[in-house]
Structure formats: structure tokens, C-alpha cells
Amino acid sequence: MSDITRSDVAHLARLARLAVTDDELDVFSGQLDAILDTVGRVSEIPDDVPPTSHVAPLTNVLRPDEPAPSLPREAALAGAPEAEEGRFRVPRILGESQ
């Protein structure tokens, strides 16, 4: 255990300009103690363990990209509020046409 005391937490709270109650000092001292113990366990990892970016190996979960029939244009435009020349008609947002 790192033995973080109430006075340590009170000192940190003063430095951070945080107002903490007596009950919070007890809670925070236990939490900070647990955090420091957990971080300290990292130094116990043997040197021969290779660094990794992920705990489990990554696999591609995407399906193959294969052509397939799509929704007909008429069916897609059937639910549109407005259509023009076989396309969705939307309000202009960029100003003049380019």
C-alpha cells in the first residue's frame, strides 16, 4: 500500500484549490491509495513481455465488398419530399452555384 493519508489528500486539495469535506478526505485517500498501488504494479511486469497496442489480436470484422443489387432509383425517390431530374432536391446551403 502507498499509505496516502488524509493530510496528503488535504495538501493536494489545497494545491489544487479544491474544497473537500472530512468525509471526502477519507474517501479520496482510499481511492488515491488504490490508484497508486495499481500504477505501481506496472513496474512488476517482466522486461521480456513485448509491448502491445491491443490486449487481443485485431481481426477484420467487415464483410467482403461484393456488388449486389441496390434499391431502384424510383423507389428511393418515392419517399423524398422533392425530387428533380432523378435526384433528391435539397435547399442550397453554399450560396451561388459553382
PDB file of N, CA and C in Angstrom:
ATOM      1  N   MET A   1       0.834  -1.180   0.000  1.00  0.00           N
ATOM      2  CA  MET A   1       0.000   0.000   0.000  1.00  0.00           C
ATOM      3  C   MET A   1       0.879   1.243   0.000  1.00  0.00           C
ATOM      4  N   SER A   2       0.378   2.284  -0.625  1.00  0.00           N
ATOM      5  CA  SER A   2       1.119   3.531  -0.723  1.00  0.00           C
ATOM      6  C   SER A   2       0.972   4.387   0.521  1.00  0.00           C
ATOM      7  N   ASP A   3      -0.050   4.119   1.321  1.00  0.00           N
ATOM      8  CA  ASP A   3      -0.288   4.840   2.567  1.00  0.00           C
ATOM      9  C   ASP A   3      -0.515   6.334   2.340  1.00  0.00           C
ATOM     10  N   ILE A   4      -1.471   6.656   1.494  1.00  0.00           N
ATOM     11  CA  ILE A   4      -1.888   8.045   1.308  1.00  0.00           C
ATOM     12  C   ILE A   4      -2.751   8.424   2.504  1.00  0.00           C
ATOM     13  N   THR A   5      -2.354   9.453   3.210  1.00  0.00           N
ATOM     14  CA  THR A   5      -3.078   9.859   4.408  1.00  0.00           C
ATOM     15  C   THR A   5      -4.063  10.974   4.103  1.00  0.00           C
ATOM     16  N   ARG A   6      -4.912  11.236   5.098  1.00  0.00           N
ATOM     17  CA  ARG A   6      -5.862  12.345   4.972  1.00  0.00           C
ATOM     18  C   ARG A   6      -5.124  13.662   4.793  1.00  0.00           C
ATOM     19  N   SER A   7      -3.997  13.806   5.496  1.00  0.00           N
ATOM     20  CA  SER A   7      -3.246  15.063   5.382  1.00  0.00           C
ATOM     21  C   SER A   7      -2.633  15.208   3.990  1.00  0.00           C
ATOM     22  N   ASP A   8      -2.243  14.088   3.374  1.00  0.00           N
ATOM     23  CA  ASP A   8      -1.744  14.140   1.991  1.00  0.00           C
ATOM     24  C   ASP A   8      -2.842  14.624   1.045  1.00  0.00           C
ATOM     25  N   VAL A   9      -4.029  14.083   1.221  1.00  0.00           N
ATOM     26  CA  VAL A   9      -5.158  14.476   0.369  1.00  0.00           C
ATOM     27  C   VAL A   9      -5.525  15.929   0.623  1.00  0.00           C
ATOM     28  N   ALA A  10      -5.523  16.346   1.882  1.00  0.00           N
ATOM     29  CA  ALA A  10      -5.832  17.743   2.199  1.00  0.00           C
ATOM     30  C   ALA A  10      -4.803  18.670   1.566  1.00  0.00           C
ATOM     31  N   HIS A  11      -3.527  18.268   1.606  1.00  0.00           N
ATOM     32  CA  HIS A  11      -2.470  19.075   0.987  1.00  0.00           C
ATOM     33  C   HIS A  11      -2.678  19.176  -0.534  1.00  0.00           C
ATOM     34  N   LEU A  12      -2.974  18.048  -1.172  1.00  0.00           N
ATOM     35  CA  LEU A  12      -3.236  18.061  -2.617  1.00  0.00           C
ATOM     36  C   LEU A  12      -4.457  18.919  -2.946  1.00  0.00           C
ATOM     37  N   ALA A  13      -5.479  18.832  -2.107  1.00  0.00           N
ATOM     38  CA  ALA A  13      -6.688  19.626  -2.335  1.00  0.00           C
ATOM     39  C   ALA A  13      -6.373  21.118  -2.222  1.00  0.00           C
ATOM     40  N   ARG A  14      -5.539  21.484  -1.239  1.00  0.00           N
ATOM     41  CA  ARG A  14      -5.156  22.902  -1.121  1.00  0.00           C
ATOM     42  C   ARG A  14      -4.384  23.355  -2.353  1.00  0.00           C
ATOM     43  N   LEU A  15      -3.451  22.529  -2.813  1.00  0.00           N
ATOM     44  CA  LEU A  15      -2.666  22.887  -4.000  1.00  0.00           C
ATOM     45  C   LEU A  15      -3.554  23.062  -5.229  1.00  0.00           C
ATOM     46  N   ALA A  16      -4.586  22.209  -5.339  1.00  0.00           N
ATOM     47  CA  ALA A  16      -5.494  22.264  -6.480  1.00  0.00           C
ATOM     48  C   ALA A  16      -6.637  23.247  -6.244  1.00  0.00           C
ATOM     49  N   ARG A  17      -6.633  23.872  -5.070  1.00  0.00           N
ATOM     50  CA  ARG A  17      -7.683  24.831  -4.695  1.00  0.00           C
ATOM     51  C   ARG A  17      -9.065  24.202  -4.751  1.00  0.00           C
ATOM     52  N   LEU A  18      -9.153  22.992  -4.190  1.00  0.00           N
ATOM     53  CA  LEU A  18     -10.418  22.271  -4.111  1.00  0.00           C
ATOM     54  C   LEU A  18     -10.905  22.270  -2.677  1.00  0.00           C
ATOM     55  N   ALA A  19     -12.183  22.500  -2.508  1.00  0.00           N
ATOM     56  CA  ALA A  19     -12.786  22.415  -1.181  1.00  0.00           C
ATOM     57  C   ALA A  19     -13.296  20.995  -0.988  1.00  0.00           C
ATOM     58  N   VAL A  20     -12.762  20.302   0.010  1.00  0.00           N
ATOM     59  CA  VAL A  20     -13.192  18.928   0.279  1.00  0.00           C
ATOM     60  C   VAL A  20     -13.636  18.835   1.733  1.00  0.00           C
ATOM     61  N   THR A  21     -14.615  17.993   1.970  1.00  0.00           N
ATOM     62  CA  THR A  21     -15.121  17.783   3.317  1.00  0.00           C
ATOM     63  C   THR A  21     -14.304  16.704   4.011  1.00  0.00           C
ATOM     64  N   ASP A  22     -14.531  16.540   5.317  1.00  0.00           N
ATOM     65  CA  ASP A  22     -13.828  15.494   6.060  1.00  0.00           C
ATOM     66  C   ASP A  22     -14.168  14.103   5.531  1.00  0.00           C
ATOM     67  N   ASP A  23     -15.436  13.910   5.163  1.00  0.00           N
ATOM     68  CA  ASP A  23     -15.834  12.611   4.607  1.00  0.00           C
ATOM     69  C   ASP A  23     -15.127  12.350   3.278  1.00  0.00           C
ATOM     70  N   GLU A  24     -15.004  13.388   2.472  1.00  0.00           N
ATOM     71  CA  GLU A  24     -14.331  13.236   1.177  1.00  0.00           C
ATOM     72  C   GLU A  24     -12.845  12.931   1.357  1.00  0.00           C
ATOM     73  N   LEU A  25     -12.234  13.487   2.400  1.00  0.00           N
ATOM     74  CA  LEU A  25     -10.817  13.190   2.651  1.00  0.00           C
ATOM     75  C   LEU A  25     -10.609  11.697   2.869  1.00  0.00           C
ATOM     76  N   ASP A  26     -11.528  11.074   3.615  1.00  0.00           N
ATOM     77  CA  ASP A  26     -11.419   9.629   3.844  1.00  0.00           C
ATOM     78  C   ASP A  26     -11.606   8.849   2.552  1.00  0.00           C
ATOM     79  N   VAL A  27     -12.616   9.238   1.763  1.00  0.00           N
ATOM     80  CA  VAL A  27     -12.900   8.535   0.510  1.00  0.00           C
ATOM     81  C   VAL A  27     -11.743   8.705  -0.467  1.00  0.00           C
ATOM     82  N   PHE A  28     -11.293   9.953  -0.630  1.00  0.00           N
ATOM     83  CA  PHE A  28     -10.233  10.220  -1.602  1.00  0.00           C
ATOM     84  C   PHE A  28      -8.910   9.575  -1.207  1.00  0.00           C
ATOM     85  N   SER A  29      -8.615   9.509   0.090  1.00  0.00           N
ATOM     86  CA  SER A  29      -7.347   8.894   0.490  1.00  0.00           C
ATOM     87  C   SER A  29      -7.343   7.413   0.125  1.00  0.00           C
ATOM     88  N   GLY A  30      -8.478   6.735   0.317  1.00  0.00           N
ATOM     89  CA  GLY A  30      -8.566   5.330  -0.075  1.00  0.00           C
ATOM     90  C   GLY A  30      -8.479   5.147  -1.576  1.00  0.00           C
ATOM     91  N   GLN A  31      -9.151   6.030  -2.322  1.00  0.00           N
ATOM     92  CA  GLN A  31      -9.132   5.918  -3.781  1.00  0.00           C
ATOM     93  C   GLN A  31      -7.747   6.203  -4.343  1.00  0.00           C
ATOM     94  N   LEU A  32      -7.093   7.262  -3.841  1.00  0.00           N
ATOM     95  CA  LEU A  32      -5.749   7.580  -4.336  1.00  0.00           C
ATOM     96  C   LEU A  32      -4.752   6.475  -3.975  1.00  0.00           C
ATOM     97  N   ASP A  33      -4.920   5.904  -2.808  1.00  0.00           N
ATOM     98  CA  ASP A  33      -4.058   4.798  -2.397  1.00  0.00           C
ATOM     99  C   ASP A  33      -4.203   3.617  -3.362  1.00  0.00           C
ATOM    100  N   ALA A  34      -5.447   3.291  -3.724  1.00  0.00           N
ATOM    101  CA  ALA A  34      -5.691   2.182  -4.652  1.00  0.00           C
ATOM    102  C   ALA A  34      -5.126   2.494  -6.035  1.00  0.00           C
ATOM    103  N   ILE A  35      -5.274   3.731  -6.480  1.00  0.00           N
ATOM    104  CA  ILE A  35      -4.757   4.125  -7.800  1.00  0.00           C
ATOM    105  C   ILE A  35      -3.235   3.995  -7.832  1.00  0.00           C
ATOM    106  N   LEU A  36      -2.575   4.515  -6.811  1.00  0.00           N
ATOM    107  CA  LEU A  36      -1.105   4.443  -6.788  1.00  0.00           C
ATOM    108  C   LEU A  36      -0.606   3.009  -6.684  1.00  0.00           C
ATOM    109  N   ASP A  37      -1.319   2.170  -5.951  1.00  0.00           N
ATOM    110  CA  ASP A  37      -0.933   0.750  -5.888  1.00  0.00           C
ATOM    111  C   ASP A  37      -1.068   0.085  -7.250  1.00  0.00           C
ATOM    112  N   THR A  38      -2.145   0.394  -7.954  1.00  0.00           N
ATOM    113  CA  THR A  38      -2.360  -0.188  -9.281  1.00  0.00           C
ATOM    114  C   THR A  38      -1.292   0.275 -10.264  1.00  0.00           C
ATOM    115  N   VAL A  39      -0.980   1.553 -10.246  1.00  0.00           N
ATOM    116  CA  VAL A  39       0.060   2.083 -11.134  1.00  0.00           C
ATOM    117  C   VAL A  39       1.412   1.483 -10.770  1.00  0.00           C
ATOM    118  N   GLY A  40       1.659   1.272  -9.498  1.00  0.00           N
ATOM    119  CA  GLY A  40       2.922   0.681  -9.071  1.00  0.00           C
ATOM    120  C   GLY A  40       3.105  -0.745  -9.542  1.00  0.00           C
ATOM    121  N   ARG A  41       2.001  -1.445  -9.791  1.00  0.00           N
ATOM    122  CA  ARG A  41       2.100  -2.826 -10.270  1.00  0.00           C
ATOM    123  C   ARG A  41       2.674  -2.901 -11.678  1.00  0.00           C
ATOM    124  N   VAL A  42       2.647  -1.813 -12.412  1.00  0.00           N
ATOM    125  CA  VAL A  42       3.204  -1.811 -13.770  1.00  0.00           C
ATOM    126  C   VAL A  42       4.697  -2.114 -13.726  1.00  0.00           C
ATOM    127  N   SER A  43       5.358  -1.657 -12.691  1.00  0.00           N
ATOM    128  CA  SER A  43       6.804  -1.911 -12.598  1.00  0.00           C
ATOM    129  C   SER A  43       7.108  -3.380 -12.336  1.00  0.00           C
ATOM    130  N   GLU A  44       6.109  -4.166 -11.965  1.00  0.00           N
ATOM    131  CA  GLU A  44       6.310  -5.592 -11.714  1.00  0.00           C
ATOM    132  C   GLU A  44       6.280  -6.432 -12.992  1.00  0.00           C
ATOM    133  N   ILE A  45       5.951  -5.828 -14.112  1.00  0.00           N
ATOM    134  CA  ILE A  45       5.881  -6.568 -15.376  1.00  0.00           C
ATOM    135  C   ILE A  45       7.293  -6.945 -15.799  1.00  0.00           C
ATOM    136  N   PRO A  46       7.519  -8.206 -16.142  1.00  0.00           N
ATOM    137  CA  PRO A  46       8.857  -8.623 -16.573  1.00  0.00           C
ATOM    138  C   PRO A  46       9.297  -7.869 -17.830  1.00  0.00           C
ATOM    139  N   ASP A  47      10.603  -7.702 -17.953  1.00  0.00           N
ATOM    140  CA  ASP A  47      11.151  -6.961 -19.092  1.00  0.00           C
ATOM    141  C   ASP A  47      10.992  -7.699 -20.415  1.00  0.00           C
ATOM    142  N   ASP A  48      10.796  -9.023 -20.377  1.00  0.00           N
ATOM    143  CA  ASP A  48      10.708  -9.782 -21.622  1.00  0.00           C
ATOM    144  C   ASP A  48       9.298  -9.807 -22.213  1.00  0.00           C
ATOM    145  N   VAL A  49       8.348  -9.090 -21.638  1.00  0.00           N
ATOM    146  CA  VAL A  49       6.994  -9.027 -22.189  1.00  0.00           C
ATOM    147  C   VAL A  49       6.990  -7.973 -23.290  1.00  0.00           C
ATOM    148  N   PRO A  50       6.643  -8.353 -24.520  1.00  0.00           N
ATOM    149  CA  PRO A  50       6.680  -7.370 -25.612  1.00  0.00           C
ATOM    150  C   PRO A  50       5.548  -6.360 -25.477  1.00  0.00           C
ATOM    151  N   PRO A  51       5.820  -5.116 -25.845  1.00  0.00           N
ATOM    152  CA  PRO A  51       4.759  -4.100 -25.790  1.00  0.00           C
ATOM    153  C   PRO A  51       3.689  -4.396 -26.839  1.00  0.00           C
ATOM    154  N   THR A  52       2.452  -4.114 -26.513  1.00  0.00           N
ATOM    155  CA  THR A  52       1.343  -4.337 -27.440  1.00  0.00           C
ATOM    156  C   THR A  52       0.435  -3.114 -27.452  1.00  0.00           C
ATOM    157  N   SER A  53      -0.266  -2.934 -28.548  1.00  0.00           N
ATOM    158  CA  SER A  53      -1.225  -1.837 -28.618  1.00  0.00           C
ATOM    159  C   SER A  53      -2.624  -2.308 -28.258  1.00  0.00           C
ATOM    160  N   HIS A  54      -2.851  -3.628 -28.336  1.00  0.00           N
ATOM    161  CA  HIS A  54      -4.161  -4.195 -28.002  1.00  0.00           C
ATOM    162  C   HIS A  54      -3.966  -5.485 -27.208  1.00  0.00           C
ATOM    163  N   VAL A  55      -4.885  -5.732 -26.312  1.00  0.00           N
ATOM    164  CA  VAL A  55      -4.782  -6.933 -25.487  1.00  0.00           C
ATOM    165  C   VAL A  55      -5.036  -8.182 -26.312  1.00  0.00           C
ATOM    166  N   ALA A  56      -6.039  -8.111 -27.184  1.00  0.00           N
ATOM    167  CA  ALA A  56      -6.390  -9.243 -28.038  1.00  0.00           C
ATOM    168  C   ALA A  56      -6.004  -8.902 -29.482  1.00  0.00           C
ATOM    169  N   PRO A  57      -5.687  -9.911 -30.280  1.00  0.00           N
ATOM    170  CA  PRO A  57      -5.336  -9.628 -31.677  1.00  0.00           C
ATOM    171  C   PRO A  57      -6.525  -9.033 -32.434  1.00  0.00           C
ATOM    172  N   LEU A  58      -6.224  -8.113 -33.323  1.00  0.00           N
ATOM    173  CA  LEU A  58      -7.265  -7.483 -34.117  1.00  0.00           C
ATOM    174  C   LEU A  58      -7.613  -8.350 -35.318  1.00  0.00           C
ATOM    175  N   THR A  59      -8.897  -8.424 -35.627  1.00  0.00           N
ATOM    176  CA  THR A  59      -9.336  -9.139 -36.816  1.00  0.00           C
ATOM    177  C   THR A  59     -10.287  -8.249 -37.579  1.00  0.00           C
ATOM    178  N   ASN A  60     -10.328  -8.428 -38.873  1.00  0.00           N
ATOM    179  CA  ASN A  60     -11.217  -7.641 -39.721  1.00  0.00           C
ATOM    180  C   ASN A  60     -12.622  -8.220 -39.598  1.00  0.00           C
ATOM    181  N   VAL A  61     -13.567  -7.407 -39.151  1.00  0.00           N
ATOM    182  CA  VAL A  61     -14.936  -7.888 -38.964  1.00  0.00           C
ATOM    183  C   VAL A  61     -15.857  -7.426 -40.083  1.00  0.00           C
ATOM    184  N   LEU A  62     -15.289  -6.826 -41.110  1.00  0.00           N
ATOM    185  CA  LEU A  62     -16.100  -6.354 -42.221  1.00  0.00           C
ATOM    186  C   LEU A  62     -16.339  -7.474 -43.222  1.00  0.00           C
ATOM    187  N   ARG A  63     -17.486  -7.423 -43.856  1.00  0.00           N
ATOM    188  CA  ARG A  63     -17.787  -8.425 -44.876  1.00  0.00           C
ATOM    189  C   ARG A  63     -17.044  -8.062 -46.164  1.00  0.00           C
ATOM    190  N   PRO A  64     -16.860  -8.997 -47.043  1.00  0.00           N
ATOM    191  CA  PRO A  64     -16.202  -8.686 -48.319  1.00  0.00           C
ATOM    192  C   PRO A  64     -17.037  -7.686 -49.120  1.00  0.00           C
ATOM    193  N   ASP A  65     -16.375  -6.829 -49.840  1.00  0.00           N
ATOM    194  CA  ASP A  65     -17.049  -5.827 -50.659  1.00  0.00           C
ATOM    195  C   ASP A  65     -17.404  -6.465 -52.000  1.00  0.00           C
ATOM    196  N   GLU A  66     -18.654  -6.865 -52.129  1.00  0.00           N
ATOM    197  CA  GLU A  66     -19.101  -7.531 -53.348  1.00  0.00           C
ATOM    198  C   GLU A  66     -20.296  -6.778 -53.922  1.00  0.00           C
ATOM    199  N   PRO A  67     -20.369  -6.644 -55.227  1.00  0.00           N
ATOM    200  CA  PRO A  67     -21.526  -5.968 -55.827  1.00  0.00           C
ATOM    201  C   PRO A  67     -22.812  -6.733 -55.538  1.00  0.00           C
ATOM    202  N   ALA A  68     -23.879  -5.992 -55.280  1.00  0.00           N
ATOM    203  CA  ALA A  68     -25.181  -6.602 -55.015  1.00  0.00           C
ATOM    204  C   ALA A  68     -26.259  -5.671 -55.558  1.00  0.00           C
ATOM    205  N   PRO A  69     -27.431  -6.187 -55.833  1.00  0.00           N
ATOM    206  CA  PRO A  69     -28.496  -5.326 -56.322  1.00  0.00           C
ATOM    207  C   PRO A  69     -28.824  -4.247 -55.288  1.00  0.00           C
ATOM    208  N   SER A  70     -29.119  -3.049 -55.770  1.00  0.00           N
ATOM    209  CA  SER A  70     -29.433  -1.955 -54.862  1.00  0.00           C
ATOM    210  C   SER A  70     -30.867  -1.496 -55.084  1.00  0.00           C
ATOM    211  N   LEU A  71     -31.286  -0.551 -54.273  1.00  0.00           N
ATOM    212  CA  LEU A  71     -32.635  -0.009 -54.354  1.00  0.00           C
ATOM    213  C   LEU A  71     -32.804   0.741 -55.677  1.00  0.00           C
ATOM    214  N   PRO A  72     -33.875   0.477 -56.414  1.00  0.00           N
ATOM    215  CA  PRO A  72     -34.086   1.220 -57.667  1.00  0.00           C
ATOM    216  C   PRO A  72     -34.263   2.716 -57.387  1.00  0.00           C
ATOM    217  N   ARG A  73     -33.820   3.536 -58.330  1.00  0.00           N
ATOM    218  CA  ARG A  73     -33.882   4.979 -58.169  1.00  0.00           C
ATOM    219  C   ARG A  73     -35.300   5.448 -57.872  1.00  0.00           C
ATOM    220  N   GLU A  74     -36.280   4.909 -58.571  1.00  0.00           N
ATOM    221  CA  GLU A  74     -37.665   5.339 -58.372  1.00  0.00           C
ATOM    222  C   GLU A  74     -38.138   5.047 -56.949  1.00  0.00           C
ATOM    223  N   ALA A  75     -37.740   3.909 -56.417  1.00  0.00           N
ATOM    224  CA  ALA A  75     -38.142   3.552 -55.056  1.00  0.00           C
ATOM    225  C   ALA A  75     -37.477   4.470 -54.032  1.00  0.00           C
ATOM    226  N   ALA A  76     -36.210   4.822 -54.270  1.00  0.00           N
ATOM    227  CA  ALA A  76     -35.508   5.711 -53.349  1.00  0.00           C
ATOM    228  C   ALA A  76     -36.123   7.105 -53.378  1.00  0.00           C
ATOM    229  N   LEU A  77     -36.464   7.594 -54.547  1.00  0.00           N
ATOM    230  CA  LEU A  77     -37.029   8.936 -54.673  1.00  0.00           C
ATOM    231  C   LEU A  77     -38.498   9.003 -54.280  1.00  0.00           C
ATOM    232  N   ALA A  78     -39.163   7.850 -54.157  1.00  0.00           N
ATOM    233  CA  ALA A  78     -40.588   7.838 -53.835  1.00  0.00           C
ATOM    234  C   ALA A  78     -40.871   8.463 -52.476  1.00  0.00           C
ATOM    235  N   GLY A  79     -39.968   8.325 -51.522  1.00  0.00           N
ATOM    236  CA  GLY A  79     -40.192   8.880 -50.195  1.00  0.00           C
ATOM    237  C   GLY A  79     -39.601  10.264 -49.995  1.00  0.00           C
ATOM    238  N   ALA A  80     -38.989  10.827 -51.030  1.00  0.00           N
ATOM    239  CA  ALA A  80     -38.356  12.135 -50.914  1.00  0.00           C
ATOM    240  C   ALA A  80     -39.397  13.246 -50.939  1.00  0.00           C
ATOM    241  N   PRO A  81     -39.203  14.291 -50.124  1.00  0.00           N
ATOM    242  CA  PRO A  81     -40.129  15.423 -50.174  1.00  0.00           C
ATOM    243  C   PRO A  81     -40.138  16.091 -51.551  1.00  0.00           C
ATOM    244  N   GLU A  82     -38.957  16.196 -52.164  1.00  0.00           N
ATOM    245  CA  GLU A  82     -38.861  16.766 -53.509  1.00  0.00           C
ATOM    246  C   GLU A  82     -37.789  16.026 -54.303  1.00  0.00           C
ATOM    247  N   ALA A  83     -38.061  15.851 -55.585  1.00  0.00           N
ATOM    248  CA  ALA A  83     -37.081  15.242 -56.488  1.00  0.00           C
ATOM    249  C   ALA A  83     -37.046  16.059 -57.762  1.00  0.00           C
ATOM    250  N   GLU A  84     -35.870  16.067 -58.410  1.00  0.00           N
ATOM    251  CA  GLU A  84     -35.723  16.821 -59.645  1.00  0.00           C
ATOM    252  C   GLU A  84     -34.704  16.113 -60.527  1.00  0.00           C
ATOM    253  N   GLU A  85     -35.070  15.821 -61.750  1.00  0.00           N
ATOM    254  CA  GLU A  85     -34.193  15.170 -62.724  1.00  0.00           C
ATOM    255  C   GLU A  85     -33.584  13.877 -62.173  1.00  0.00           C
ATOM    256  N   GLY A  86     -34.377  13.092 -61.463  1.00  0.00           N
ATOM    257  CA  GLY A  86     -33.905  11.802 -60.963  1.00  0.00           C
ATOM    258  C   GLY A  86     -32.991  11.900 -59.756  1.00  0.00           C
ATOM    259  N   ARG A  87     -32.980  13.043 -59.073  1.00  0.00           N
ATOM    260  CA  ARG A  87     -32.130  13.221 -57.888  1.00  0.00           C
ATOM    261  C   ARG A  87     -32.949  13.847 -56.768  1.00  0.00           C
ATOM    262  N   PHE A  88     -32.442  13.725 -55.537  1.00  0.00           N
ATOM    263  CA  PHE A  88     -33.070  14.396 -54.404  1.00  0.00           C
ATOM    264  C   PHE A  88     -32.876  15.898 -54.550  1.00  0.00           C
ATOM    265  N   ARG A  89     -33.918  16.662 -54.303  1.00  0.00           N
ATOM    266  CA  ARG A  89     -33.797  18.124 -54.322  1.00  0.00           C
ATOM    267  C   ARG A  89     -33.703  18.597 -52.876  1.00  0.00           C
ATOM    268  N   VAL A  90     -32.640  19.339 -52.573  1.00  0.00           N
ATOM    269  CA  VAL A  90     -32.413  19.850 -51.225  1.00  0.00           C
ATOM    270  C   VAL A  90     -32.163  21.347 -51.303  1.00  0.00           C
ATOM    271  N   PRO A  91     -32.383  22.080 -50.219  1.00  0.00           N
ATOM    272  CA  PRO A  91     -32.130  23.519 -50.236  1.00  0.00           C
ATOM    273  C   PRO A  91     -30.654  23.813 -50.438  1.00  0.00           C
ATOM    274  N   ARG A  92     -30.362  24.881 -51.151  1.00  0.00           N
ATOM    275  CA  ARG A  92     -28.979  25.312 -51.373  1.00  0.00           C
ATOM    276  C   ARG A  92     -28.429  25.854 -50.058  1.00  0.00           C
ATOM    277  N   ILE A  93     -27.213  25.456 -49.708  1.00  0.00           N
ATOM    278  CA  ILE A  93     -26.622  25.947 -48.461  1.00  0.00           C
ATOM    279  C   ILE A  93     -25.296  26.672 -48.681  1.00  0.00           C
ATOM    280  N   LEU A  94     -24.736  26.587 -49.848  1.00  0.00           N
ATOM    281  CA  LEU A  94     -23.423  27.190 -50.109  1.00  0.00           C
ATOM    282  C   LEU A  94     -23.493  28.472 -50.941  1.00  0.00           C
ATOM    283  N   GLY A  95     -24.657  28.980 -51.204  1.00  0.00           N
ATOM    284  CA  GLY A  95     -24.744  30.203 -51.992  1.00  0.00           C
ATOM    285  C   GLY A  95     -24.904  29.905 -53.469  1.00  0.00           C
ATOM    286  N   GLU A  96     -24.211  30.663 -54.293  1.00  0.00           N
ATOM    287  CA  GLU A  96     -24.309  30.550 -55.744  1.00  0.00           C
ATOM    288  C   GLU A  96     -23.786  29.198 -56.231  1.00  0.00           C
ATOM    289  N   SER A  97     -24.291  28.778 -57.397  1.00  0.00           N
ATOM    290  CA  SER A  97     -23.808  27.525 -57.965  1.00  0.00           C
ATOM    291  C   SER A  97     -22.359  27.676 -58.390  1.00  0.00           C
ATOM    292  N   GLN A  98     -21.667  26.573 -58.367  1.00  0.00           N
ATOM    293  CA  GLN A  98     -20.225  26.623 -58.642  1.00  0.00           C
ATOM    294  C   GLN A  98     -19.903  26.064 -59.985  1.00  0.00           C
TER     295      GLN A  98
END
